[in-house]
């Protein structure tokens, strides 16, 4: 993230220097220099345009991961509702590989709650990450 902001600062400084050079040259013979300067600006614009194409794959990946976590959150909330319907003396089994292992109801309930907390935290993190990516993409498009 800091390397891209450093690159942007360098680009801005470069453009300011070239603009100053152009204003100095406009008093003399700017034709050849002006053409070179225009090519320089076009190459810089092309580079910025390439930066814009870096973000969509990250945004798509973020959406895929978010979709997976949303599905898991729904499943775990459903399991929690089912566990809350059970009586305290009910038998609860956890599938570990091909084996069903008996588990205490309170322990199962706590595990599901922890999973829900973890998934909710991941969804919040993904949302903020997505917002950052979209803001960066928007600022690059403006440039």
C-alpha atoms as a PDB file:
ATOM      1  CA  UNK A   1       0.000   0.000   0.000  1.00  0.00           C
ATOM      2  CA  UNK A   2       2.815   2.468   0.811  1.00  0.00           C
ATOM      3  CA  UNK A   3       4.693   1.612  -2.386  1.00  0.00           C
ATOM      4  CA  UNK A   4       1.672   2.636  -4.462  1.00  0.00           C
ATOM      5  CA  UNK A   5       1.314   5.937  -2.569  1.00  0.00           C
ATOM      6  CA  UNK A   6       5.054   6.562  -3.028  1.00  0.00           C
ATOM      7  CA  UNK A   7       4.694   5.845  -6.732  1.00  0.00           C
ATOM      8  CA  UNK A   8       1.781   8.293  -6.921  1.00  0.00           C
ATOM      9  CA  UNK A   9       3.798  11.002  -5.151  1.00  0.00           C
ATOM     10  CA  UNK A  10       6.717  10.409  -7.532  1.00  0.00           C
ATOM     11  CA  UNK A  11       4.370  10.589 -10.510  1.00  0.00           C
ATOM     12  CA  UNK A  12       2.831  13.821  -9.248  1.00  0.00           C
ATOM     13  CA  UNK A  13       6.279  15.345  -8.687  1.00  0.00           C
ATOM     14  CA  UNK A  14       7.369  14.223 -12.155  1.00  0.00           C
ATOM     15  CA  UNK A  15       4.307  15.792 -13.748  1.00  0.00           C
ATOM     16  CA  UNK A  16       4.819  19.060 -11.876  1.00  0.00           C
ATOM     17  CA  UNK A  17       8.466  19.199 -13.009  1.00  0.00           C
ATOM     18  CA  UNK A  18       7.477  18.498 -16.606  1.00  0.00           C
ATOM     19  CA  UNK A  19       4.758  21.174 -16.455  1.00  0.00           C
ATOM     20  CA  UNK A  20       7.349  23.688 -15.215  1.00  0.00           C
ATOM     21  CA  UNK A  21       9.713  22.651 -18.008  1.00  0.00           C
ATOM     22  CA  UNK A  22       6.927  23.093 -20.542  1.00  0.00           C
ATOM     23  CA  UNK A  23       6.085  26.594 -19.341  1.00  0.00           C
ATOM     24  CA  UNK A  24       9.775  27.545 -19.667  1.00  0.00           C
ATOM     25  CA  UNK A  25       9.982  26.030 -23.149  1.00  0.00           C
ATOM     26  CA  UNK A  26       6.836  27.718 -24.439  1.00  0.00           C
ATOM     27  CA  UNK A  27       8.806  30.964 -24.637  1.00  0.00           C
ATOM     28  CA  UNK A  28      11.236  29.328 -27.084  1.00  0.00           C
ATOM     29  CA  UNK A  29      10.782  26.474 -29.598  1.00  0.00           C
ATOM     30  CA  UNK A  30       8.305  24.085 -27.955  1.00  0.00           C
ATOM     31  CA  UNK A  31       7.308  21.990 -30.983  1.00  0.00           C
ATOM     32  CA  UNK A  32       9.614  18.960 -30.571  1.00  0.00           C
ATOM     33  CA  UNK A  33       9.704  19.245 -26.805  1.00  0.00           C
ATOM     34  CA  UNK A  34       5.957  19.658 -26.637  1.00  0.00           C
ATOM     35  CA  UNK A  35       5.450  16.489 -28.659  1.00  0.00           C
ATOM     36  CA  UNK A  36       7.844  14.601 -26.357  1.00  0.00           C
ATOM     37  CA  UNK A  37       6.072  15.981 -23.311  1.00  0.00           C
ATOM     38  CA  UNK A  38       2.698  14.891 -24.642  1.00  0.00           C
ATOM     39  CA  UNK A  39       4.075  11.374 -25.209  1.00  0.00           C
ATOM     40  CA  UNK A  40       5.420  11.413 -21.673  1.00  0.00           C
ATOM     41  CA  UNK A  41       2.009  12.390 -20.266  1.00  0.00           C
ATOM     42  CA  UNK A  42       0.279   9.731 -22.333  1.00  0.00           C
ATOM     43  CA  UNK A  43       2.629   7.069 -20.986  1.00  0.00           C
ATOM     44  CA  UNK A  44       1.939   8.204 -17.419  1.00  0.00           C
ATOM     45  CA  UNK A  45      -1.813   8.088 -18.052  1.00  0.00           C
ATOM     46  CA  UNK A  46      -1.392   4.592 -19.467  1.00  0.00           C
ATOM     47  CA  UNK A  47       0.429   3.515 -16.306  1.00  0.00           C
ATOM     48  CA  UNK A  48      -2.347   4.928 -14.109  1.00  0.00           C
ATOM     49  CA  UNK A  49      -4.915   3.144 -16.255  1.00  0.00           C
ATOM     50  CA  UNK A  50      -3.080  -0.136 -15.639  1.00  0.00           C
ATOM     51  CA  UNK A  51      -3.315   0.480 -11.874  1.00  0.00           C
ATOM     52  CA  UNK A  52      -7.117   0.600 -12.246  1.00  0.00           C
ATOM     53  CA  UNK A  53      -7.120  -2.928 -13.644  1.00  0.00           C
ATOM     54  CA  UNK A  54      -5.342  -4.304 -10.569  1.00  0.00           C
ATOM     55  CA  UNK A  55      -8.325  -3.921  -8.244  1.00  0.00           C
ATOM     56  CA  UNK A  56     -11.265  -5.790  -9.882  1.00  0.00           C
ATOM     57  CA  UNK A  57      -9.781  -9.291  -9.314  1.00  0.00           C
ATOM     58  CA  UNK A  58      -9.269  -8.440  -5.624  1.00  0.00           C
ATOM     59  CA  UNK A  59     -12.818  -7.135  -5.379  1.00  0.00           C
ATOM     60  CA  UNK A  60     -14.210 -10.278  -7.024  1.00  0.00           C
ATOM     61  CA  UNK A  61     -12.178 -12.495  -4.682  1.00  0.00           C
ATOM     62  CA  UNK A  62     -13.449 -10.496  -1.713  1.00  0.00           C
ATOM     63  CA  UNK A  63     -17.047 -11.045  -2.882  1.00  0.00           C
ATOM     64  CA  UNK A  64     -16.467 -14.801  -3.228  1.00  0.00           C
ATOM     65  CA  UNK A  65     -14.987 -15.127   0.269  1.00  0.00           C
ATOM     66  CA  UNK A  66     -17.740 -12.943   1.697  1.00  0.00           C
ATOM     67  CA  UNK A  67     -20.386 -15.139   0.061  1.00  0.00           C
ATOM     68  CA  UNK A  68     -18.793 -18.260   1.585  1.00  0.00           C
ATOM     69  CA  UNK A  69     -18.740 -16.701   5.071  1.00  0.00           C
ATOM     70  CA  UNK A  70     -22.339 -15.493   4.723  1.00  0.00           C
ATOM     71  CA  UNK A  71     -23.478 -19.035   3.912  1.00  0.00           C
ATOM     72  CA  UNK A  72     -21.500 -20.424   6.870  1.00  0.00           C
ATOM     73  CA  UNK A  73     -22.977 -17.780   9.158  1.00  0.00           C
ATOM     74  CA  UNK A  74     -26.500 -18.751   8.126  1.00  0.00           C
ATOM     75  CA  UNK A  75     -25.781 -22.448   8.681  1.00  0.00           C
ATOM     76  CA  UNK A  76     -24.301 -21.821  12.119  1.00  0.00           C
ATOM     77  CA  UNK A  77     -27.194 -19.603  13.175  1.00  0.00           C
ATOM     78  CA  UNK A  78     -29.577 -22.366  12.131  1.00  0.00           C
ATOM     79  CA  UNK A  79     -27.582 -24.917  14.181  1.00  0.00           C
ATOM     80  CA  UNK A  80     -27.688 -22.565  17.175  1.00  0.00           C
ATOM     81  CA  UNK A  81     -31.486 -22.295  16.889  1.00  0.00           C
ATOM     82  CA  UNK A  82     -31.745 -26.082  16.773  1.00  0.00           C
ATOM     83  CA  UNK A  83     -29.460 -26.470  19.801  1.00  0.00           C
ATOM     84  CA  UNK A  84     -31.583 -23.972  21.731  1.00  0.00           C
ATOM     85  CA  UNK A  85     -34.659 -26.134  21.097  1.00  0.00           C
ATOM     86  CA  UNK A  86     -33.058 -29.174  22.748  1.00  0.00           C
ATOM     87  CA  UNK A  87     -33.527 -30.141  26.391  1.00  0.00           C
ATOM     88  CA  UNK A  88     -30.487 -30.103  28.651  1.00  0.00           C
ATOM     89  CA  UNK A  89     -30.280 -33.915  28.796  1.00  0.00           C
ATOM     90  CA  UNK A  90     -30.372 -34.337  24.996  1.00  0.00           C
ATOM     91  CA  UNK A  91     -27.595 -36.225  23.252  1.00  0.00           C
ATOM     92  CA  UNK A  92     -25.533 -34.126  20.850  1.00  0.00           C
ATOM     93  CA  UNK A  93     -23.032 -35.648  18.455  1.00  0.00           C
ATOM     94  CA  UNK A  94     -20.278 -33.976  16.497  1.00  0.00           C
ATOM     95  CA  UNK A  95     -19.094 -35.413  13.186  1.00  0.00           C
ATOM     96  CA  UNK A  96     -15.301 -35.735  13.182  1.00  0.00           C
ATOM     97  CA  UNK A  97     -14.243 -37.344   9.945  1.00  0.00           C
ATOM     98  CA  UNK A  98     -16.285 -40.532   9.555  1.00  0.00           C
ATOM     99  CA  UNK A  99     -17.030 -40.807  13.315  1.00  0.00           C
ATOM    100  CA  UNK A 100     -19.809 -39.310  15.426  1.00  0.00           C
ATOM    101  CA  UNK A 101     -18.455 -38.205  18.809  1.00  0.00           C
ATOM    102  CA  UNK A 102     -20.766 -37.460  21.730  1.00  0.00           C
ATOM    103  CA  UNK A 103     -20.554 -33.858  22.904  1.00  0.00           C
ATOM    104  CA  UNK A 104     -21.991 -31.945  25.843  1.00  0.00           C
ATOM    105  CA  UNK A 105     -24.869 -29.635  24.856  1.00  0.00           C
ATOM    106  CA  UNK A 106     -23.332 -26.613  26.603  1.00  0.00           C
ATOM    107  CA  UNK A 107     -19.984 -27.250  24.884  1.00  0.00           C
ATOM    108  CA  UNK A 108     -21.652 -27.588  21.469  1.00  0.00           C
ATOM    109  CA  UNK A 109     -23.610 -24.411  22.099  1.00  0.00           C
ATOM    110  CA  UNK A 110     -20.435 -22.525  23.089  1.00  0.00           C
ATOM    111  CA  UNK A 111     -18.549 -23.808  20.022  1.00  0.00           C
ATOM    112  CA  UNK A 112     -21.291 -22.680  17.659  1.00  0.00           C
ATOM    113  CA  UNK A 113     -21.450 -19.256  19.328  1.00  0.00           C
ATOM    114  CA  UNK A 114     -17.663 -18.855  18.954  1.00  0.00           C
ATOM    115  CA  UNK A 115     -17.898 -19.815  15.289  1.00  0.00           C
ATOM    116  CA  UNK A 116     -20.651 -17.233  14.755  1.00  0.00           C
ATOM    117  CA  UNK A 117     -18.535 -14.552  16.453  1.00  0.00           C
ATOM    118  CA  UNK A 118     -15.510 -15.460  14.332  1.00  0.00           C
ATOM    119  CA  UNK A 119     -17.476 -15.482  11.075  1.00  0.00           C
ATOM    120  CA  UNK A 120     -19.155 -12.162  11.938  1.00  0.00           C
ATOM    121  CA  UNK A 121     -15.755 -10.595  12.649  1.00  0.00           C
ATOM    122  CA  UNK A 122     -14.412 -11.906   9.333  1.00  0.00           C
ATOM    123  CA  UNK A 123     -17.410 -10.466   7.492  1.00  0.00           C
ATOM    124  CA  UNK A 124     -16.788  -7.057   9.084  1.00  0.00           C
ATOM    125  CA  UNK A 125     -13.110  -7.267   8.111  1.00  0.00           C
ATOM    126  CA  UNK A 126     -14.037  -8.215   4.542  1.00  0.00           C
ATOM    127  CA  UNK A 127     -16.518  -5.336   4.349  1.00  0.00           C
ATOM    128  CA  UNK A 128     -13.888  -2.808   5.401  1.00  0.00           C
ATOM    129  CA  UNK A 129     -11.366  -4.361   3.010  1.00  0.00           C
ATOM    130  CA  UNK A 130     -13.886  -4.168   0.172  1.00  0.00           C
ATOM    131  CA  UNK A 131     -14.636  -0.545   0.973  1.00  0.00           C
ATOM    132  CA  UNK A 132     -10.893   0.275   0.902  1.00  0.00           C
ATOM    133  CA  UNK A 133     -10.445  -1.475  -2.451  1.00  0.00           C
ATOM    134  CA  UNK A 134     -13.411   0.324  -3.958  1.00  0.00           C
ATOM    135  CA  UNK A 135     -12.142   3.695  -2.685  1.00  0.00           C
ATOM    136  CA  UNK A 136      -8.700   3.023  -4.159  1.00  0.00           C
ATOM    137  CA  UNK A 137     -10.222   1.991  -7.471  1.00  0.00           C
ATOM    138  CA  UNK A 138     -12.390   5.102  -7.517  1.00  0.00           C
ATOM    139  CA  UNK A 139      -9.420   7.390  -6.768  1.00  0.00           C
ATOM    140  CA  UNK A 140      -7.365   5.729  -9.516  1.00  0.00           C
ATOM    141  CA  UNK A 141     -10.201   6.264 -12.000  1.00  0.00           C
ATOM    142  CA  UNK A 142     -10.334   9.931 -11.034  1.00  0.00           C
ATOM    143  CA  UNK A 143      -6.589  10.255 -11.626  1.00  0.00           C
END
